[in-house]
Amino acid sequence: MSFYEKHIFVCENERAPGERVSCGRQGSSEILKLLKQKAAKAGIEYKFRVQRAGCLDRCELGPIQVSYPEGLWFQIKSEADVEIVLEHYLKQNNPEKYKHLLVKEE
């Protein structure tokens, strides 16, 4: 049994100028802030956590997030995406409503 039922990690890695793209330069800090603020007010009735992460090494897909225990990789790029994840992933667990935000495995 896990301490949290769901645990979302938001990559905030920022690479130096001239290096490959990074989540930090693609707005991940704002996504993290929105997720944390809105999740705290969403009325979710189980223990979960949204937190920053270092490099998740999928920068070209960024900003990138991963959630456990399912191991789902998300591309959350806007406030509208944040709302979808909160309502349909964290609250209702309705994959049909958030599947367009999932990263396709190669």
N, C-alpha and C. Protein backbone atom coordinates (compact mmCIF):
# COMPACT_ATOMS: atom_id res chain seq x y z
N MET A 1 0.85 -1.19 0.00
CA MET A 1 0.00 0.00 0.00
C MET A 1 0.89 1.24 0.00
N SER A 2 0.57 2.16 -0.84
CA SER A 2 1.32 3.40 -0.98
C SER A 2 0.77 4.47 -0.04
N PHE A 3 1.63 5.37 0.36
CA PHE A 3 1.22 6.48 1.22
C PHE A 3 0.21 7.37 0.50
N TYR A 4 0.42 7.59 -0.80
CA TYR A 4 -0.50 8.37 -1.62
C TYR A 4 -1.19 7.45 -2.60
N GLU A 5 -2.47 7.70 -2.87
CA GLU A 5 -3.15 6.92 -3.90
C GLU A 5 -2.67 7.31 -5.28
N LYS A 6 -2.38 8.60 -5.47
CA LYS A 6 -1.82 9.09 -6.73
C LYS A 6 -0.74 10.10 -6.40
N HIS A 7 0.31 10.10 -7.22
CA HIS A 7 1.45 10.96 -6.97
C HIS A 7 1.93 11.47 -8.33
N ILE A 8 1.79 12.77 -8.58
CA ILE A 8 2.15 13.37 -9.86
C ILE A 8 3.46 14.13 -9.71
N PHE A 9 4.42 13.80 -10.56
CA PHE A 9 5.70 14.48 -10.60
C PHE A 9 5.75 15.35 -11.85
N VAL A 10 6.06 16.62 -11.66
CA VAL A 10 6.14 17.59 -12.76
C VAL A 10 7.61 17.94 -12.96
N CYS A 11 8.14 17.62 -14.13
CA CYS A 11 9.54 17.92 -14.43
C CYS A 11 9.73 19.43 -14.51
N GLU A 12 10.71 19.93 -13.77
CA GLU A 12 11.06 21.35 -13.83
C GLU A 12 12.51 21.55 -14.26
N ASN A 13 13.10 20.53 -14.82
CA ASN A 13 14.50 20.63 -15.23
C ASN A 13 14.68 21.76 -16.25
N GLU A 14 15.73 22.53 -16.04
CA GLU A 14 16.05 23.61 -16.98
C GLU A 14 17.49 23.43 -17.44
N ARG A 15 17.65 23.17 -18.71
CA ARG A 15 18.97 22.98 -19.30
C ARG A 15 19.59 24.34 -19.65
N ALA A 16 20.86 24.36 -19.78
CA ALA A 16 21.58 25.58 -20.14
C ALA A 16 21.25 25.98 -21.59
N PRO A 17 21.32 27.28 -21.87
CA PRO A 17 21.11 27.73 -23.25
C PRO A 17 22.06 26.99 -24.19
N GLY A 18 21.54 26.62 -25.34
CA GLY A 18 22.34 25.89 -26.32
C GLY A 18 22.22 24.38 -26.21
N GLU A 19 21.76 23.89 -25.06
CA GLU A 19 21.51 22.46 -24.91
C GLU A 19 20.12 22.13 -25.45
N ARG A 20 19.79 20.86 -25.48
CA ARG A 20 18.47 20.49 -25.98
C ARG A 20 17.37 21.10 -25.12
N VAL A 21 16.19 21.16 -25.65
CA VAL A 21 15.05 21.76 -24.98
C VAL A 21 14.82 21.10 -23.62
N SER A 22 14.23 21.84 -22.69
CA SER A 22 13.93 21.29 -21.37
C SER A 22 12.53 21.69 -20.94
N CYS A 23 11.97 20.92 -20.03
CA CYS A 23 10.62 21.19 -19.54
C CYS A 23 10.54 22.56 -18.86
N GLY A 24 11.60 22.92 -18.13
CA GLY A 24 11.62 24.20 -17.44
C GLY A 24 11.47 25.38 -18.39
N ARG A 25 12.01 25.26 -19.58
CA ARG A 25 11.89 26.34 -20.56
C ARG A 25 10.60 26.25 -21.36
N GLN A 26 9.78 25.25 -21.07
CA GLN A 26 8.51 25.09 -21.75
C GLN A 26 7.31 25.36 -20.84
N GLY A 27 7.56 26.00 -19.70
CA GLY A 27 6.46 26.42 -18.83
C GLY A 27 6.06 25.45 -17.75
N SER A 28 6.91 24.51 -17.42
CA SER A 28 6.53 23.52 -16.41
C SER A 28 6.33 24.11 -15.02
N SER A 29 7.03 25.18 -14.69
CA SER A 29 6.86 25.79 -13.36
C SER A 29 5.44 26.34 -13.20
N GLU A 30 4.92 26.94 -14.24
CA GLU A 30 3.54 27.46 -14.19
C GLU A 30 2.53 26.31 -14.10
N ILE A 31 2.79 25.23 -14.82
CA ILE A 31 1.90 24.06 -14.75
C ILE A 31 1.91 23.49 -13.33
N LEU A 32 3.09 23.36 -12.74
CA LEU A 32 3.20 22.86 -11.37
C LEU A 32 2.42 23.75 -10.41
N LYS A 33 2.60 25.04 -10.53
CA LYS A 33 1.90 25.99 -9.66
C LYS A 33 0.38 25.85 -9.80
N LEU A 34 -0.11 25.79 -11.03
CA LEU A 34 -1.55 25.64 -11.27
C LEU A 34 -2.07 24.32 -10.71
N LEU A 35 -1.36 23.24 -10.98
CA LEU A 35 -1.79 21.93 -10.47
C LEU A 35 -1.89 21.92 -8.95
N LYS A 36 -0.87 22.46 -8.28
CA LYS A 36 -0.87 22.48 -6.82
C LYS A 36 -2.01 23.34 -6.26
N GLN A 37 -2.15 24.55 -6.81
CA GLN A 37 -3.19 25.46 -6.31
C GLN A 37 -4.59 24.90 -6.53
N LYS A 38 -4.84 24.44 -7.74
CA LYS A 38 -6.19 23.96 -8.07
C LYS A 38 -6.50 22.63 -7.40
N ALA A 39 -5.50 21.76 -7.27
CA ALA A 39 -5.72 20.47 -6.62
C ALA A 39 -6.08 20.65 -5.14
N ALA A 40 -5.48 21.63 -4.50
CA ALA A 40 -5.76 21.89 -3.08
C ALA A 40 -7.21 22.31 -2.86
N LYS A 41 -7.84 22.87 -3.89
CA LYS A 41 -9.21 23.35 -3.77
C LYS A 41 -10.23 22.45 -4.48
N ALA A 42 -9.78 21.33 -5.02
CA ALA A 42 -10.62 20.50 -5.89
C ALA A 42 -11.55 19.54 -5.14
N GLY A 43 -11.38 19.42 -3.85
CA GLY A 43 -12.25 18.51 -3.09
C GLY A 43 -11.97 17.04 -3.36
N ILE A 44 -10.72 16.70 -3.62
CA ILE A 44 -10.35 15.30 -3.85
C ILE A 44 -10.32 14.60 -2.51
N GLU A 45 -10.99 13.46 -2.42
CA GLU A 45 -11.24 12.83 -1.13
C GLU A 45 -10.29 11.68 -0.79
N TYR A 46 -9.09 11.70 -1.31
CA TYR A 46 -8.10 10.71 -0.95
C TYR A 46 -6.74 11.40 -0.93
N LYS A 47 -5.72 10.72 -0.39
CA LYS A 47 -4.38 11.32 -0.29
C LYS A 47 -3.67 11.25 -1.64
N PHE A 48 -3.23 12.39 -2.09
CA PHE A 48 -2.46 12.49 -3.33
C PHE A 48 -1.43 13.58 -3.14
N ARG A 49 -0.49 13.64 -4.07
CA ARG A 49 0.53 14.69 -3.99
C ARG A 49 0.93 15.09 -5.40
N VAL A 50 1.13 16.39 -5.57
CA VAL A 50 1.68 16.97 -6.79
C VAL A 50 2.99 17.62 -6.38
N GLN A 51 4.09 17.24 -7.04
CA GLN A 51 5.38 17.81 -6.65
C GLN A 51 6.31 17.93 -7.84
N ARG A 52 7.32 18.77 -7.66
CA ARG A 52 8.32 18.97 -8.71
C ARG A 52 9.25 17.77 -8.78
N ALA A 53 9.83 17.61 -9.95
CA ALA A 53 10.82 16.57 -10.17
C ALA A 53 11.97 17.15 -10.95
N GLY A 54 13.10 16.53 -10.83
CA GLY A 54 14.23 16.85 -11.70
C GLY A 54 13.97 16.27 -13.07
N CYS A 55 14.98 16.14 -13.85
CA CYS A 55 14.84 15.68 -15.23
C CYS A 55 14.23 14.29 -15.30
N LEU A 56 13.18 14.17 -16.09
CA LEU A 56 12.54 12.88 -16.35
C LEU A 56 12.99 12.33 -17.71
N ASP A 57 13.90 13.04 -18.38
CA ASP A 57 14.55 12.64 -19.62
C ASP A 57 13.59 12.39 -20.79
N ARG A 58 12.53 13.17 -20.84
CA ARG A 58 11.62 13.13 -21.98
C ARG A 58 11.31 14.57 -22.40
N CYS A 59 12.34 15.39 -22.36
CA CYS A 59 12.21 16.83 -22.55
C CYS A 59 11.54 17.23 -23.87
N GLU A 60 11.83 16.47 -24.92
CA GLU A 60 11.26 16.83 -26.22
C GLU A 60 9.74 16.72 -26.24
N LEU A 61 9.16 16.08 -25.24
CA LEU A 61 7.71 15.96 -25.12
C LEU A 61 7.12 16.98 -24.15
N GLY A 62 7.94 17.80 -23.57
CA GLY A 62 7.57 18.64 -22.44
C GLY A 62 6.60 19.75 -22.72
N PRO A 63 6.15 20.35 -21.64
CA PRO A 63 6.46 19.94 -20.28
C PRO A 63 5.82 18.58 -19.98
N ILE A 64 6.56 17.76 -19.27
CA ILE A 64 6.16 16.37 -19.05
C ILE A 64 5.88 16.12 -17.57
N GLN A 65 4.92 15.24 -17.32
CA GLN A 65 4.56 14.85 -15.96
C GLN A 65 4.36 13.35 -15.96
N VAL A 66 4.63 12.72 -14.82
CA VAL A 66 4.37 11.30 -14.67
C VAL A 66 3.62 11.08 -13.37
N SER A 67 2.66 10.16 -13.40
CA SER A 67 1.85 9.89 -12.22
C SER A 67 1.94 8.42 -11.85
N TYR A 68 2.06 8.21 -10.56
CA TYR A 68 2.09 6.86 -10.02
C TYR A 68 0.93 6.68 -9.07
N PRO A 69 0.40 5.47 -8.95
CA PRO A 69 1.05 4.19 -9.20
C PRO A 69 0.92 3.68 -10.64
N GLU A 70 0.12 4.30 -11.48
CA GLU A 70 -0.11 3.76 -12.82
C GLU A 70 1.08 3.92 -13.77
N GLY A 71 1.95 4.88 -13.50
CA GLY A 71 3.05 5.14 -14.41
C GLY A 71 2.58 5.82 -15.69
N LEU A 72 1.57 6.68 -15.57
CA LEU A 72 1.04 7.40 -16.73
C LEU A 72 1.86 8.66 -16.98
N TRP A 73 2.24 8.87 -18.24
CA TRP A 73 2.99 10.05 -18.65
C TRP A 73 2.03 11.02 -19.32
N PHE A 74 2.02 12.26 -18.84
CA PHE A 74 1.13 13.30 -19.35
C PHE A 74 1.92 14.43 -20.00
N GLN A 75 1.28 15.07 -20.96
CA GLN A 75 1.73 16.36 -21.51
C GLN A 75 0.65 17.36 -21.12
N ILE A 76 0.88 18.06 -20.03
CA ILE A 76 -0.06 19.08 -19.55
C ILE A 76 0.58 20.41 -19.90
N LYS A 77 -0.05 21.14 -20.82
CA LYS A 77 0.57 22.35 -21.35
C LYS A 77 -0.22 23.63 -21.10
N SER A 78 -1.42 23.51 -20.55
CA SER A 78 -2.25 24.70 -20.39
C SER A 78 -3.13 24.57 -19.14
N GLU A 79 -3.75 25.67 -18.77
CA GLU A 79 -4.67 25.64 -17.64
C GLU A 79 -5.86 24.72 -17.93
N ALA A 80 -6.30 24.69 -19.18
CA ALA A 80 -7.40 23.79 -19.55
C ALA A 80 -6.99 22.33 -19.34
N ASP A 81 -5.74 21.99 -19.69
CA ASP A 81 -5.24 20.63 -19.46
C ASP A 81 -5.19 20.32 -17.97
N VAL A 82 -4.79 21.29 -17.16
CA VAL A 82 -4.76 21.10 -15.71
C VAL A 82 -6.16 20.75 -15.21
N GLU A 83 -7.15 21.46 -15.68
CA GLU A 83 -8.55 21.21 -15.27
C GLU A 83 -8.98 19.80 -15.64
N ILE A 84 -8.61 19.36 -16.84
CA ILE A 84 -8.97 18.00 -17.29
C ILE A 84 -8.33 16.95 -16.39
N VAL A 85 -7.05 17.13 -16.08
CA VAL A 85 -6.36 16.16 -15.23
C VAL A 85 -6.99 16.12 -13.84
N LEU A 86 -7.28 17.28 -13.28
CA LEU A 86 -7.89 17.31 -11.95
C LEU A 86 -9.26 16.63 -11.94
N GLU A 87 -10.09 16.99 -12.88
CA GLU A 87 -11.46 16.46 -12.89
C GLU A 87 -11.53 15.00 -13.33
N HIS A 88 -10.85 14.67 -14.40
CA HIS A 88 -11.06 13.36 -15.02
C HIS A 88 -10.01 12.31 -14.66
N TYR A 89 -8.84 12.74 -14.19
CA TYR A 89 -7.85 11.77 -13.72
C TYR A 89 -7.91 11.64 -12.20
N LEU A 90 -7.74 12.75 -11.49
CA LEU A 90 -7.69 12.68 -10.03
C LEU A 90 -9.06 12.46 -9.39
N LYS A 91 -10.09 13.11 -9.88
CA LYS A 91 -11.40 13.00 -9.22
C LYS A 91 -12.24 11.83 -9.73
N GLN A 92 -12.42 11.73 -11.04
CA GLN A 92 -13.36 10.75 -11.58
C GLN A 92 -12.73 9.50 -12.16
N ASN A 93 -11.42 9.53 -12.44
CA ASN A 93 -10.72 8.44 -13.10
C ASN A 93 -11.46 7.98 -14.35
N ASN A 94 -11.62 8.92 -15.28
CA ASN A 94 -12.31 8.68 -16.54
C ASN A 94 -11.31 8.81 -17.69
N PRO A 95 -10.60 7.72 -18.02
CA PRO A 95 -9.53 7.79 -19.02
C PRO A 95 -9.96 8.32 -20.39
N GLU A 96 -11.19 8.11 -20.77
CA GLU A 96 -11.65 8.62 -22.07
C GLU A 96 -11.54 10.14 -22.15
N LYS A 97 -11.64 10.81 -21.03
CA LYS A 97 -11.62 12.28 -21.00
C LYS A 97 -10.20 12.85 -20.93
N TYR A 98 -9.23 12.05 -20.50
CA TYR A 98 -7.85 12.59 -20.42
C TYR A 98 -6.87 11.86 -21.34
N LYS A 99 -7.31 10.86 -22.08
CA LYS A 99 -6.36 10.06 -22.88
C LYS A 99 -5.61 10.89 -23.92
N HIS A 100 -6.18 12.00 -24.38
CA HIS A 100 -5.48 12.85 -25.35
C HIS A 100 -4.27 13.56 -24.74
N LEU A 101 -4.17 13.57 -23.41
CA LEU A 101 -3.03 14.19 -22.73
C LEU A 101 -1.92 13.18 -22.41
N LEU A 102 -2.17 11.92 -22.66
CA LEU A 102 -1.19 10.88 -22.36
C LEU A 102 -0.13 10.81 -23.46
N VAL A 103 1.10 10.57 -23.04
CA VAL A 103 2.21 10.40 -23.97
C VAL A 103 2.12 9.00 -24.55
N LYS A 104 2.19 8.93 -25.84
CA LYS A 104 2.16 7.63 -26.52
C LYS A 104 3.51 6.94 -26.34
N GLU A 105 3.48 5.70 -25.93
CA GLU A 105 4.72 4.93 -25.78
C GLU A 105 5.21 4.51 -27.14
N GLU A 106 6.52 4.52 -27.32
CA GLU A 106 7.12 4.16 -28.61
C GLU A 106 7.25 2.69 -28.79
